[in-house]
């Protein structure tokens, strides 16, 4: 599946594709797909003249392979993994929230799931990438272990007040990584409700670093 992304990312850097039939042939039959130089060498003189001026890359900058679609593949894989695990929790705890919508419609780097006492019961792989802490280390702790001297008490109190209201909210807090460096963390915290009695049983925090 990676090859088509590479080819497509490569071709996006050439304006001649708008004039040639290269993509049409590629779309209709991948087994007949050929490299760019072979494709050009097979053009007759009239076809070559039409695209000759457009054969130079549209940019002379070095190209990052991750920008060619490979990064999107990894992001999709992580999203699928996160969604699958959260839906397992949802089924177990009988939440009425639309988990699929929450995960797919919001931007995040890390997911943190806590119980009603705010003890962490699960974090996504993105949590380790963001904080440097292993997933197992976070379990049974409150998110407060990520806070430190530069975390304002007014911010803590504001977040606590919002939690008590039982409605989704966003806020920004200064957290600390394992290496003691600080980062601004945007929180989108969603109370998770039981289907039977609508009581809040857990909180899901979608987190990302902001400037």
N, C-alpha and C. Protein backbone atom coordinates (compact mmCIF):
# COMPACT_ATOMS: atom_id res chain seq x y z
N UNK A 1 0.81 -1.21 0.00
CA UNK A 1 0.00 0.00 0.00
C UNK A 1 0.85 1.27 0.00
N UNK A 2 2.12 1.19 0.44
CA UNK A 2 2.95 2.38 0.53
C UNK A 2 3.36 2.87 -0.85
N UNK A 3 3.60 1.94 -1.82
CA UNK A 3 4.09 2.33 -3.14
C UNK A 3 3.21 3.36 -3.83
N UNK A 4 1.88 3.17 -3.89
CA UNK A 4 1.06 4.19 -4.55
C UNK A 4 1.21 5.56 -3.92
N UNK A 5 1.37 5.63 -2.57
CA UNK A 5 1.55 6.90 -1.91
C UNK A 5 2.86 7.56 -2.35
N UNK A 6 3.92 6.75 -2.46
CA UNK A 6 5.20 7.28 -2.89
C UNK A 6 5.12 7.83 -4.30
N UNK A 7 4.51 7.04 -5.19
CA UNK A 7 4.38 7.46 -6.59
C UNK A 7 3.56 8.73 -6.69
N UNK A 8 2.46 8.76 -5.95
CA UNK A 8 1.58 9.93 -6.01
C UNK A 8 2.29 11.16 -5.45
N UNK A 9 2.98 11.01 -4.35
CA UNK A 9 3.69 12.14 -3.77
C UNK A 9 4.76 12.66 -4.72
N UNK A 10 5.44 11.73 -5.44
CA UNK A 10 6.47 12.12 -6.40
C UNK A 10 5.86 12.89 -7.56
N UNK A 11 4.76 12.38 -8.06
CA UNK A 11 4.14 13.01 -9.23
C UNK A 11 3.54 14.37 -8.92
N UNK A 12 3.17 14.58 -7.66
CA UNK A 12 2.58 15.87 -7.30
C UNK A 12 3.56 17.01 -7.53
N UNK A 13 4.86 16.69 -7.62
CA UNK A 13 5.87 17.71 -7.82
C UNK A 13 6.10 18.02 -9.29
N UNK A 14 5.31 17.45 -10.19
CA UNK A 14 5.48 17.70 -11.62
C UNK A 14 4.17 18.17 -12.21
N UNK A 15 4.23 19.37 -12.82
CA UNK A 15 2.99 19.92 -13.38
C UNK A 15 2.60 19.25 -14.68
N UNK A 16 3.53 18.47 -15.28
CA UNK A 16 3.21 17.87 -16.58
C UNK A 16 2.08 16.87 -16.50
N UNK A 17 1.78 16.36 -15.31
CA UNK A 17 0.75 15.33 -15.21
C UNK A 17 -0.62 15.85 -15.63
N UNK A 18 -0.77 17.17 -15.58
CA UNK A 18 -2.04 17.75 -16.00
C UNK A 18 -2.24 17.60 -17.51
N UNK A 19 -1.10 17.49 -18.22
CA UNK A 19 -1.18 17.43 -19.67
C UNK A 19 -1.03 16.01 -20.21
N UNK A 20 -0.43 15.14 -19.42
CA UNK A 20 -0.14 13.80 -19.92
C UNK A 20 -1.20 12.80 -19.47
N UNK A 21 -1.10 11.62 -20.02
CA UNK A 21 -2.04 10.56 -19.65
C UNK A 21 -1.44 9.61 -18.64
N UNK A 22 -0.34 10.03 -18.00
CA UNK A 22 0.39 9.12 -17.11
C UNK A 22 -0.49 8.64 -15.96
N UNK A 23 -1.16 9.57 -15.29
CA UNK A 23 -1.97 9.17 -14.14
C UNK A 23 -3.16 8.32 -14.54
N UNK A 24 -3.71 8.61 -15.71
CA UNK A 24 -4.85 7.82 -16.18
C UNK A 24 -4.44 6.37 -16.33
N UNK A 25 -3.27 6.16 -16.99
CA UNK A 25 -2.78 4.80 -17.17
C UNK A 25 -2.49 4.13 -15.84
N UNK A 26 -1.92 4.89 -14.91
CA UNK A 26 -1.58 4.33 -13.60
C UNK A 26 -2.85 3.94 -12.84
N UNK A 27 -3.87 4.79 -12.92
CA UNK A 27 -5.12 4.53 -12.22
C UNK A 27 -5.81 3.29 -12.76
N UNK A 28 -5.77 3.13 -14.08
CA UNK A 28 -6.49 2.02 -14.69
C UNK A 28 -5.78 0.69 -14.58
N UNK A 29 -4.45 0.73 -14.45
CA UNK A 29 -3.72 -0.53 -14.41
C UNK A 29 -2.37 -0.36 -13.72
N UNK A 30 -2.29 -0.71 -12.45
CA UNK A 30 -1.05 -0.56 -11.71
C UNK A 30 0.04 -1.50 -12.23
N UNK A 31 -0.38 -2.63 -12.80
CA UNK A 31 0.63 -3.57 -13.27
C UNK A 31 1.37 -3.05 -14.49
N UNK A 32 0.80 -2.00 -15.13
CA UNK A 32 1.46 -1.41 -16.29
C UNK A 32 2.17 -0.11 -15.93
N UNK A 33 2.17 0.21 -14.65
CA UNK A 33 2.78 1.45 -14.20
C UNK A 33 4.28 1.42 -14.48
N UNK A 34 4.82 2.52 -15.03
CA UNK A 34 6.24 2.57 -15.35
C UNK A 34 6.86 3.79 -14.69
N UNK A 35 8.18 3.79 -14.57
CA UNK A 35 8.86 4.92 -13.97
C UNK A 35 8.78 6.12 -14.91
N UNK A 36 9.03 7.29 -14.38
CA UNK A 36 8.87 8.51 -15.14
C UNK A 36 9.74 8.56 -16.39
N UNK A 37 11.02 8.17 -16.23
CA UNK A 37 11.93 8.26 -17.38
C UNK A 37 11.51 7.31 -18.50
N UNK A 38 11.03 6.12 -18.13
CA UNK A 38 10.58 5.16 -19.15
C UNK A 38 9.32 5.69 -19.84
N UNK A 39 8.44 6.28 -19.04
CA UNK A 39 7.21 6.83 -19.61
C UNK A 39 7.53 7.90 -20.65
N UNK A 40 8.42 8.83 -20.29
CA UNK A 40 8.77 9.92 -21.20
C UNK A 40 9.42 9.38 -22.46
N UNK A 41 10.29 8.38 -22.31
CA UNK A 41 11.01 7.83 -23.47
C UNK A 41 10.07 7.16 -24.46
N UNK A 42 8.87 6.80 -24.00
CA UNK A 42 7.92 6.13 -24.88
C UNK A 42 6.96 7.10 -25.58
N UNK A 43 7.09 8.39 -25.28
CA UNK A 43 6.23 9.37 -25.93
C UNK A 43 6.73 9.65 -27.35
N UNK A 44 5.77 9.94 -28.27
CA UNK A 44 6.21 10.35 -29.60
C UNK A 44 6.58 11.83 -29.53
N UNK A 45 7.14 12.35 -30.63
CA UNK A 45 7.68 13.71 -30.63
C UNK A 45 6.61 14.74 -30.28
N UNK A 46 5.41 14.59 -30.87
CA UNK A 46 4.34 15.56 -30.63
C UNK A 46 3.93 15.58 -29.16
N UNK A 47 3.82 14.41 -28.53
CA UNK A 47 3.43 14.34 -27.13
C UNK A 47 4.50 14.91 -26.23
N UNK A 48 5.78 14.64 -26.61
CA UNK A 48 6.89 15.13 -25.79
C UNK A 48 6.94 16.65 -25.79
N UNK A 49 6.72 17.26 -26.96
CA UNK A 49 6.76 18.71 -27.08
C UNK A 49 5.74 19.36 -26.15
N UNK A 50 4.58 18.72 -26.02
CA UNK A 50 3.51 19.28 -25.19
C UNK A 50 3.90 19.40 -23.73
N UNK A 51 4.72 18.48 -23.26
CA UNK A 51 5.05 18.47 -21.84
C UNK A 51 6.49 18.81 -21.51
N UNK A 52 7.31 19.08 -22.54
CA UNK A 52 8.75 19.28 -22.35
C UNK A 52 9.06 20.37 -21.33
N UNK A 53 8.32 21.48 -21.41
CA UNK A 53 8.59 22.60 -20.51
C UNK A 53 8.23 22.32 -19.07
N UNK A 54 7.45 21.29 -18.85
CA UNK A 54 6.94 21.02 -17.50
C UNK A 54 7.64 19.86 -16.82
N UNK A 55 8.71 19.36 -17.42
CA UNK A 55 9.35 18.17 -16.86
C UNK A 55 10.27 18.46 -15.67
N UNK A 56 10.56 19.75 -15.44
CA UNK A 56 11.39 20.08 -14.29
C UNK A 56 10.55 20.09 -13.02
N UNK A 57 11.10 19.68 -11.89
CA UNK A 57 10.36 19.70 -10.63
C UNK A 57 9.87 21.11 -10.33
N UNK A 58 8.71 21.21 -9.73
CA UNK A 58 8.14 22.51 -9.41
C UNK A 58 8.86 23.18 -8.27
N UNK A 59 9.69 22.45 -7.54
CA UNK A 59 10.45 23.03 -6.44
C UNK A 59 11.82 22.39 -6.38
N UNK A 60 12.85 23.17 -6.03
CA UNK A 60 14.20 22.64 -5.92
C UNK A 60 14.54 22.25 -4.49
N UNK A 61 13.57 22.41 -3.59
CA UNK A 61 13.79 22.07 -2.20
C UNK A 61 13.89 20.56 -2.05
N UNK A 62 14.65 20.14 -1.05
CA UNK A 62 14.71 18.71 -0.75
C UNK A 62 13.35 18.26 -0.26
N UNK A 63 13.00 17.05 -0.60
CA UNK A 63 11.67 16.54 -0.28
C UNK A 63 11.74 15.54 0.87
N UNK A 64 10.91 15.75 1.86
CA UNK A 64 10.82 14.84 2.99
C UNK A 64 9.89 13.69 2.63
N UNK A 65 10.40 12.47 2.69
CA UNK A 65 9.58 11.32 2.32
C UNK A 65 8.30 11.24 3.12
N UNK A 66 8.35 11.70 4.38
CA UNK A 66 7.15 11.60 5.22
C UNK A 66 6.02 12.47 4.69
N UNK A 67 6.38 13.51 3.89
CA UNK A 67 5.34 14.37 3.36
C UNK A 67 4.67 13.76 2.14
N UNK A 68 5.14 12.61 1.68
CA UNK A 68 4.60 11.98 0.48
C UNK A 68 3.45 11.05 0.79
N UNK A 69 2.93 11.10 1.99
CA UNK A 69 1.77 10.28 2.31
C UNK A 69 2.08 9.17 3.29
N UNK A 70 3.36 8.87 3.51
CA UNK A 70 3.70 7.79 4.45
C UNK A 70 3.28 8.19 5.86
N UNK A 71 3.51 9.46 6.21
CA UNK A 71 3.13 9.92 7.54
C UNK A 71 1.63 9.75 7.77
N UNK A 72 0.85 10.02 6.72
CA UNK A 72 -0.60 9.86 6.83
C UNK A 72 -0.97 8.42 7.15
N UNK A 73 -0.21 7.48 6.60
CA UNK A 73 -0.48 6.07 6.86
C UNK A 73 -0.29 5.74 8.34
N UNK A 74 0.79 6.26 8.92
CA UNK A 74 1.05 6.00 10.33
C UNK A 74 -0.01 6.65 11.22
N UNK A 75 -0.42 7.87 10.86
CA UNK A 75 -1.45 8.57 11.63
C UNK A 75 -2.75 7.79 11.59
N UNK A 76 -3.11 7.31 10.39
CA UNK A 76 -4.34 6.53 10.26
C UNK A 76 -4.27 5.24 11.08
N UNK A 77 -3.09 4.63 11.09
CA UNK A 77 -2.92 3.39 11.85
C UNK A 77 -3.09 3.64 13.34
N UNK A 78 -2.49 4.74 13.85
CA UNK A 78 -2.62 5.07 15.27
C UNK A 78 -4.06 5.41 15.62
N UNK A 79 -4.72 6.16 14.74
CA UNK A 79 -6.10 6.53 15.00
C UNK A 79 -6.98 5.28 15.09
N UNK A 80 -6.76 4.35 14.17
CA UNK A 80 -7.54 3.11 14.17
C UNK A 80 -7.30 2.33 15.46
N UNK A 81 -6.05 2.27 15.88
CA UNK A 81 -5.70 1.55 17.10
C UNK A 81 -6.33 2.19 18.33
N UNK A 82 -6.25 3.53 18.40
CA UNK A 82 -6.86 4.25 19.52
C UNK A 82 -8.37 4.03 19.57
N UNK A 83 -8.99 4.14 18.40
CA UNK A 83 -10.44 3.99 18.33
C UNK A 83 -10.87 2.59 18.75
N UNK A 84 -10.14 1.61 18.30
CA UNK A 84 -10.47 0.22 18.63
C UNK A 84 -10.41 -0.01 20.14
N UNK A 85 -9.37 0.50 20.79
CA UNK A 85 -9.20 0.31 22.23
C UNK A 85 -10.25 1.09 23.03
N UNK A 86 -10.50 2.33 22.64
CA UNK A 86 -11.49 3.13 23.36
C UNK A 86 -12.88 2.54 23.23
N UNK A 87 -13.20 1.99 22.05
CA UNK A 87 -14.50 1.37 21.86
C UNK A 87 -14.65 0.11 22.71
N UNK A 88 -13.53 -0.55 22.98
CA UNK A 88 -13.56 -1.71 23.88
C UNK A 88 -13.93 -1.26 25.29
N UNK A 89 -13.32 -0.16 25.73
CA UNK A 89 -13.68 0.41 27.04
C UNK A 89 -15.15 0.84 27.05
N UNK A 90 -15.57 1.45 25.95
CA UNK A 90 -16.94 1.94 25.86
C UNK A 90 -17.95 0.81 26.03
N UNK A 91 -17.67 -0.29 25.40
CA UNK A 91 -18.56 -1.45 25.51
C UNK A 91 -18.56 -2.00 26.93
N UNK A 92 -17.40 -2.04 27.54
CA UNK A 92 -17.26 -2.58 28.90
C UNK A 92 -17.96 -1.71 29.93
N UNK A 93 -17.85 -0.38 29.78
CA UNK A 93 -18.43 0.54 30.76
C UNK A 93 -19.79 1.10 30.33
N UNK A 94 -20.24 0.66 29.15
CA UNK A 94 -21.58 1.03 28.68
C UNK A 94 -21.77 2.54 28.53
N UNK A 95 -20.80 3.18 27.87
CA UNK A 95 -20.92 4.63 27.66
C UNK A 95 -21.92 4.93 26.55
N UNK A 96 -22.57 6.06 26.69
CA UNK A 96 -23.51 6.49 25.64
C UNK A 96 -22.89 7.50 24.68
N UNK A 97 -21.68 7.97 24.98
CA UNK A 97 -21.00 8.93 24.11
C UNK A 97 -20.66 8.29 22.76
N UNK A 98 -20.66 9.10 21.72
CA UNK A 98 -20.29 8.64 20.38
C UNK A 98 -18.77 8.65 20.27
N UNK A 99 -18.15 7.54 20.62
CA UNK A 99 -16.69 7.44 20.67
C UNK A 99 -16.06 7.64 19.30
N UNK A 100 -16.65 7.06 18.28
CA UNK A 100 -16.11 7.19 16.93
C UNK A 100 -16.02 8.66 16.51
N UNK A 101 -17.08 9.39 16.77
CA UNK A 101 -17.11 10.81 16.44
C UNK A 101 -16.06 11.59 17.21
N UNK A 102 -15.91 11.29 18.49
CA UNK A 102 -14.94 11.99 19.33
C UNK A 102 -13.52 11.82 18.79
N UNK A 103 -13.17 10.59 18.47
CA UNK A 103 -11.81 10.30 18.02
C UNK A 103 -11.52 10.83 16.62
N UNK A 104 -12.47 10.65 15.72
CA UNK A 104 -12.23 11.01 14.32
C UNK A 104 -12.37 12.50 14.03
N UNK A 105 -13.14 13.21 14.84
CA UNK A 105 -13.42 14.61 14.53
C UNK A 105 -12.57 15.60 15.31
N UNK A 106 -11.65 15.09 16.14
CA UNK A 106 -10.84 16.00 16.94
C UNK A 106 -9.35 15.70 16.75
N UNK A 107 -8.58 16.76 16.74
CA UNK A 107 -7.14 16.64 16.58
C UNK A 107 -6.50 16.42 17.95
N UNK A 108 -5.60 15.46 18.05
CA UNK A 108 -4.94 15.19 19.33
C UNK A 108 -3.62 14.48 19.09
N UNK A 109 -2.75 14.53 20.09
CA UNK A 109 -1.49 13.79 20.05
C UNK A 109 -1.50 12.65 21.06
N UNK A 110 -2.28 12.83 22.11
CA UNK A 110 -2.30 11.84 23.19
C UNK A 110 -3.71 11.71 23.75
N UNK A 111 -4.04 10.50 24.17
CA UNK A 111 -5.32 10.25 24.84
C UNK A 111 -5.06 9.76 26.25
N UNK A 112 -5.82 10.31 27.20
CA UNK A 112 -5.69 9.90 28.60
C UNK A 112 -7.09 9.60 29.13
N UNK A 113 -7.28 8.37 29.60
CA UNK A 113 -8.57 7.95 30.14
C UNK A 113 -8.44 7.79 31.65
N UNK A 114 -9.31 8.47 32.39
CA UNK A 114 -9.29 8.37 33.85
C UNK A 114 -10.65 7.89 34.36
N UNK A 115 -10.65 7.38 35.58
CA UNK A 115 -11.92 7.04 36.22
C UNK A 115 -12.50 8.29 36.86
N UNK A 116 -13.58 8.16 37.59
CA UNK A 116 -14.25 9.32 38.16
C UNK A 116 -13.40 10.00 39.22
N UNK A 117 -12.46 9.24 39.84
CA UNK A 117 -11.53 9.81 40.82
C UNK A 117 -10.31 10.42 40.14
N UNK A 118 -10.34 10.43 38.83
CA UNK A 118 -9.28 11.01 37.99
C UNK A 118 -7.98 10.22 38.02
N UNK A 119 -8.06 8.95 38.38
CA UNK A 119 -6.90 8.08 38.28
C UNK A 119 -6.82 7.52 36.86
N UNK A 120 -5.63 7.53 36.30
CA UNK A 120 -5.43 7.09 34.91
C UNK A 120 -5.57 5.57 34.81
N UNK A 121 -6.43 5.13 33.89
CA UNK A 121 -6.58 3.69 33.66
C UNK A 121 -6.04 3.27 32.29
N UNK A 122 -5.80 4.25 31.41
CA UNK A 122 -5.24 3.94 30.09
C UNK A 122 -4.74 5.21 29.44
N UNK A 123 -3.64 5.09 28.70
CA UNK A 123 -3.14 6.18 27.85
C UNK A 123 -2.77 5.60 26.50
N UNK A 124 -2.81 6.42 25.49
CA UNK A 124 -2.45 5.98 24.13
C UNK A 124 -0.93 5.99 23.97
N UNK A 125 -0.46 5.43 22.85
CA UNK A 125 0.97 5.44 22.55
C UNK A 125 1.49 6.86 22.42
N UNK A 126 0.62 7.76 22.00
CA UNK A 126 1.02 9.16 21.85
C UNK A 126 1.42 9.81 23.16
N UNK A 127 0.95 9.25 24.27
CA UNK A 127 1.28 9.79 25.58
C UNK A 127 2.78 9.70 25.83
N UNK A 128 3.38 8.58 25.48
CA UNK A 128 4.82 8.40 25.66
C UNK A 128 5.60 9.34 24.76
N UNK A 129 5.14 9.52 23.53
CA UNK A 129 5.80 10.43 22.60
C UNK A 129 5.75 11.86 23.11
N UNK A 130 4.64 12.23 23.73
CA UNK A 130 4.47 13.60 24.20
C UNK A 130 5.21 13.88 25.51
N UNK A 131 5.18 12.92 26.44
CA UNK A 131 5.70 13.17 27.78
C UNK A 131 7.03 12.50 28.09
N UNK A 132 7.35 11.43 27.36
CA UNK A 132 8.56 10.67 27.66
C UNK A 132 8.34 9.57 28.69
N UNK A 133 7.18 9.55 29.33
CA UNK A 133 6.86 8.52 30.32
C UNK A 133 6.28 7.28 29.64
N UNK A 134 6.68 6.12 30.12
CA UNK A 134 6.09 4.88 29.62
C UNK A 134 4.63 4.81 30.04
N UNK A 135 3.84 4.13 29.25
CA UNK A 135 2.41 4.04 29.52
C UNK A 135 2.13 3.43 30.89
N UNK A 136 2.87 2.38 31.24
CA UNK A 136 2.65 1.69 32.50
C UNK A 136 2.92 2.59 33.70
N UNK A 137 3.85 3.53 33.54
CA UNK A 137 4.19 4.43 34.64
C UNK A 137 3.02 5.33 35.02
N UNK A 138 2.20 5.68 34.03
CA UNK A 138 1.09 6.60 34.27
C UNK A 138 -0.11 5.95 34.96
N UNK A 139 -0.22 4.64 34.85
CA UNK A 139 -1.40 3.96 35.37
C UNK A 139 -1.55 4.14 36.88
N UNK A 140 -2.81 4.36 37.30
CA UNK A 140 -3.19 4.54 38.71
C UNK A 140 -2.68 5.84 39.32
N UNK A 141 -2.08 6.70 38.48
CA UNK A 141 -1.72 8.04 38.95
C UNK A 141 -2.76 9.04 38.43
N UNK A 142 -2.81 10.21 39.02
CA UNK A 142 -3.63 11.27 38.46
C UNK A 142 -2.76 12.09 37.52
N UNK A 143 -3.36 12.81 36.57
CA UNK A 143 -2.56 13.63 35.65
C UNK A 143 -1.72 14.69 36.35
N UNK A 144 -1.95 14.87 37.62
CA UNK A 144 -1.20 15.87 38.37
C UNK A 144 0.29 15.55 38.41
N UNK A 145 0.66 14.29 38.21
CA UNK A 145 2.09 13.94 38.25
C UNK A 145 2.86 14.61 37.11
N UNK A 146 2.14 15.12 36.12
CA UNK A 146 2.77 15.82 35.00
C UNK A 146 2.97 17.30 35.29
N UNK A 147 2.47 17.76 36.41
CA UNK A 147 2.54 19.18 36.73
C UNK A 147 3.74 19.50 37.61
N UNK A 148 4.06 20.79 37.69
CA UNK A 148 5.23 21.21 38.46
C UNK A 148 5.17 22.65 38.88
N UNK A 149 6.34 23.19 39.14
CA UNK A 149 6.44 24.54 39.69
C UNK A 149 5.79 25.60 38.82
N UNK A 150 5.89 25.45 37.51
CA UNK A 150 5.35 26.47 36.60
C UNK A 150 3.86 26.25 36.28
N UNK A 151 3.30 25.19 36.81
CA UNK A 151 1.86 24.95 36.62
C UNK A 151 1.10 25.83 37.60
N UNK A 152 0.30 26.72 37.08
CA UNK A 152 -0.38 27.69 37.95
C UNK A 152 -1.51 27.03 38.73
N UNK A 153 -1.63 27.41 40.00
CA UNK A 153 -2.70 26.89 40.84
C UNK A 153 -4.06 27.37 40.34
N UNK A 154 -4.08 28.57 39.77
CA UNK A 154 -5.34 29.09 39.24
C UNK A 154 -5.83 28.23 38.08
N UNK A 155 -4.90 27.70 37.29
CA UNK A 155 -5.26 26.82 36.18
C UNK A 155 -5.82 25.51 36.72
N UNK A 156 -5.19 24.95 37.73
CA UNK A 156 -5.68 23.71 38.35
C UNK A 156 -7.11 23.89 38.85
N UNK A 157 -7.35 24.97 39.55
CA UNK A 157 -8.68 25.22 40.13
C UNK A 157 -9.72 25.44 39.03
N UNK A 158 -9.32 26.13 37.98
CA UNK A 158 -10.25 26.38 36.87
C UNK A 158 -10.66 25.06 36.21
N UNK A 159 -9.70 24.18 35.99
CA UNK A 159 -9.99 22.88 35.38
C UNK A 159 -10.88 22.04 36.30
N UNK A 160 -10.58 22.08 37.61
CA UNK A 160 -11.39 21.32 38.56
C UNK A 160 -12.83 21.81 38.56
N UNK A 161 -13.02 23.11 38.48
CA UNK A 161 -14.38 23.69 38.44
C UNK A 161 -15.12 23.23 37.20
N UNK A 162 -14.42 23.20 36.07
CA UNK A 162 -15.05 22.78 34.81
C UNK A 162 -15.41 21.29 34.86
N UNK A 163 -14.55 20.49 35.49
CA UNK A 163 -14.83 19.06 35.61
C UNK A 163 -16.12 18.82 36.40
N UNK A 164 -16.32 19.60 37.43
CA UNK A 164 -17.50 19.44 38.28
C UNK A 164 -18.80 19.78 37.54
N UNK A 165 -18.70 20.57 36.50
CA UNK A 165 -19.89 20.94 35.72
C UNK A 165 -20.37 19.79 34.84
N UNK A 166 -19.49 18.82 34.59
CA UNK A 166 -19.88 17.63 33.84
C UNK A 166 -20.13 17.85 32.36
N UNK A 167 -19.45 18.85 31.78
CA UNK A 167 -19.61 19.12 30.35
C UNK A 167 -18.24 19.15 29.68
N UNK A 168 -18.19 18.82 28.38
CA UNK A 168 -16.90 18.87 27.66
C UNK A 168 -16.33 20.29 27.70
N UNK A 169 -15.02 20.39 27.80
CA UNK A 169 -14.39 21.72 27.82
C UNK A 169 -12.95 21.62 27.35
N UNK A 170 -12.41 22.79 26.99
CA UNK A 170 -11.01 22.89 26.61
C UNK A 170 -10.29 23.84 27.55
N UNK A 171 -9.02 23.57 27.78
CA UNK A 171 -8.19 24.45 28.59
C UNK A 171 -6.73 24.18 28.23
N UNK A 172 -5.85 25.03 28.71
CA UNK A 172 -4.42 24.86 28.47
C UNK A 172 -3.68 24.90 29.80
N UNK A 173 -2.77 23.96 30.00
CA UNK A 173 -2.03 23.86 31.24
C UNK A 173 -0.55 23.61 30.93
N UNK A 174 0.32 24.10 31.79
CA UNK A 174 1.75 23.82 31.63
C UNK A 174 2.07 22.50 32.31
N UNK A 175 2.55 21.55 31.53
CA UNK A 175 2.94 20.23 32.04
C UNK A 175 4.45 20.05 31.92
N UNK A 176 4.93 18.99 32.58
CA UNK A 176 6.35 18.66 32.55
C UNK A 176 6.55 17.28 31.92
N UNK A 177 7.54 17.20 31.04
CA UNK A 177 7.93 15.91 30.49
C UNK A 177 8.82 15.17 31.49
N UNK A 178 9.15 13.94 31.16
CA UNK A 178 10.01 13.14 32.03
C UNK A 178 11.38 13.79 32.19
N UNK A 179 11.86 14.47 31.13
CA UNK A 179 13.17 15.11 31.19
C UNK A 179 13.12 16.48 31.88
N UNK A 180 11.96 16.81 32.47
CA UNK A 180 11.74 18.04 33.24
C UNK A 180 11.54 19.28 32.38
N UNK A 181 11.52 19.13 31.07
CA UNK A 181 11.20 20.26 30.21
C UNK A 181 9.69 20.50 30.26
N UNK A 182 9.29 21.74 30.04
CA UNK A 182 7.88 22.09 30.11
C UNK A 182 7.27 22.19 28.71
N UNK A 183 5.97 22.06 28.64
CA UNK A 183 5.24 22.27 27.40
C UNK A 183 3.82 22.69 27.71
N UNK A 184 3.25 23.48 26.82
CA UNK A 184 1.86 23.89 26.97
C UNK A 184 0.97 22.80 26.39
N UNK A 185 0.11 22.26 27.22
CA UNK A 185 -0.74 21.16 26.80
C UNK A 185 -2.19 21.62 26.71
N UNK A 186 -2.75 21.53 25.50
CA UNK A 186 -4.18 21.83 25.34
C UNK A 186 -4.97 20.58 25.67
N UNK A 187 -5.90 20.72 26.57
CA UNK A 187 -6.76 19.61 26.99
C UNK A 187 -8.15 19.78 26.41
N UNK A 188 -8.68 18.72 25.87
CA UNK A 188 -10.11 18.68 25.53
C UNK A 188 -10.67 17.52 26.33
N UNK A 189 -11.33 17.83 27.43
CA UNK A 189 -11.80 16.80 28.36
C UNK A 189 -13.29 16.54 28.17
N UNK A 190 -13.61 15.28 27.98
CA UNK A 190 -15.00 14.88 27.72
C UNK A 190 -15.47 13.91 28.81
N UNK A 191 -16.50 14.27 29.57
CA UNK A 191 -17.08 13.34 30.54
C UNK A 191 -17.77 12.19 29.80
N UNK A 192 -17.58 10.98 30.26
CA UNK A 192 -18.17 9.81 29.63
C UNK A 192 -19.32 9.30 30.50
N UNK A 193 -20.48 9.19 29.89
CA UNK A 193 -21.71 8.88 30.63
C UNK A 193 -22.17 7.44 30.42
N UNK A 194 -22.66 6.84 31.47
CA UNK A 194 -23.25 5.52 31.40
C UNK A 194 -24.61 5.59 30.70
N UNK A 195 -24.89 4.63 29.83
CA UNK A 195 -26.14 4.64 29.07
C UNK A 195 -27.37 4.51 29.96
N UNK A 196 -27.26 3.71 31.00
CA UNK A 196 -28.44 3.38 31.82
C UNK A 196 -28.91 4.52 32.70
N UNK A 197 -27.96 5.22 33.35
CA UNK A 197 -28.38 6.26 34.29
C UNK A 197 -27.76 7.63 34.01
N UNK A 198 -27.01 7.72 32.91
CA UNK A 198 -26.38 8.98 32.48
C UNK A 198 -25.35 9.52 33.47
N UNK A 199 -24.97 8.73 34.44
CA UNK A 199 -23.95 9.17 35.38
C UNK A 199 -22.58 9.18 34.71
N UNK A 200 -21.74 10.13 35.12
CA UNK A 200 -20.37 10.19 34.61
C UNK A 200 -19.55 9.11 35.29
N UNK A 201 -18.92 8.27 34.50
CA UNK A 201 -18.10 7.19 35.06
C UNK A 201 -16.62 7.39 34.79
N UNK A 202 -16.29 8.14 33.73
CA UNK A 202 -14.90 8.34 33.35
C UNK A 202 -14.74 9.69 32.65
N UNK A 203 -13.48 10.08 32.46
CA UNK A 203 -13.15 11.27 31.68
C UNK A 203 -12.13 10.88 30.61
N UNK A 204 -12.33 11.38 29.40
CA UNK A 204 -11.38 11.16 28.32
C UNK A 204 -10.77 12.50 27.95
N UNK A 205 -9.44 12.59 28.04
CA UNK A 205 -8.74 13.82 27.68
C UNK A 205 -8.00 13.63 26.36
N UNK A 206 -8.32 14.49 25.40
CA UNK A 206 -7.59 14.54 24.13
C UNK A 206 -6.58 15.66 24.26
N UNK A 207 -5.31 15.34 24.17
CA UNK A 207 -4.27 16.31 24.47
C UNK A 207 -3.36 16.56 23.27
N UNK A 208 -2.88 17.79 23.18
CA UNK A 208 -1.88 18.13 22.16
C UNK A 208 -1.05 19.31 22.65
N UNK A 209 0.18 19.34 22.19
CA UNK A 209 1.06 20.45 22.56
C UNK A 209 0.75 21.67 21.71
N UNK A 210 0.71 22.84 22.36
CA UNK A 210 0.45 24.08 21.64
C UNK A 210 1.55 25.07 21.98
N UNK A 211 1.70 26.08 21.12
CA UNK A 211 2.72 27.08 21.32
C UNK A 211 2.20 28.19 22.24
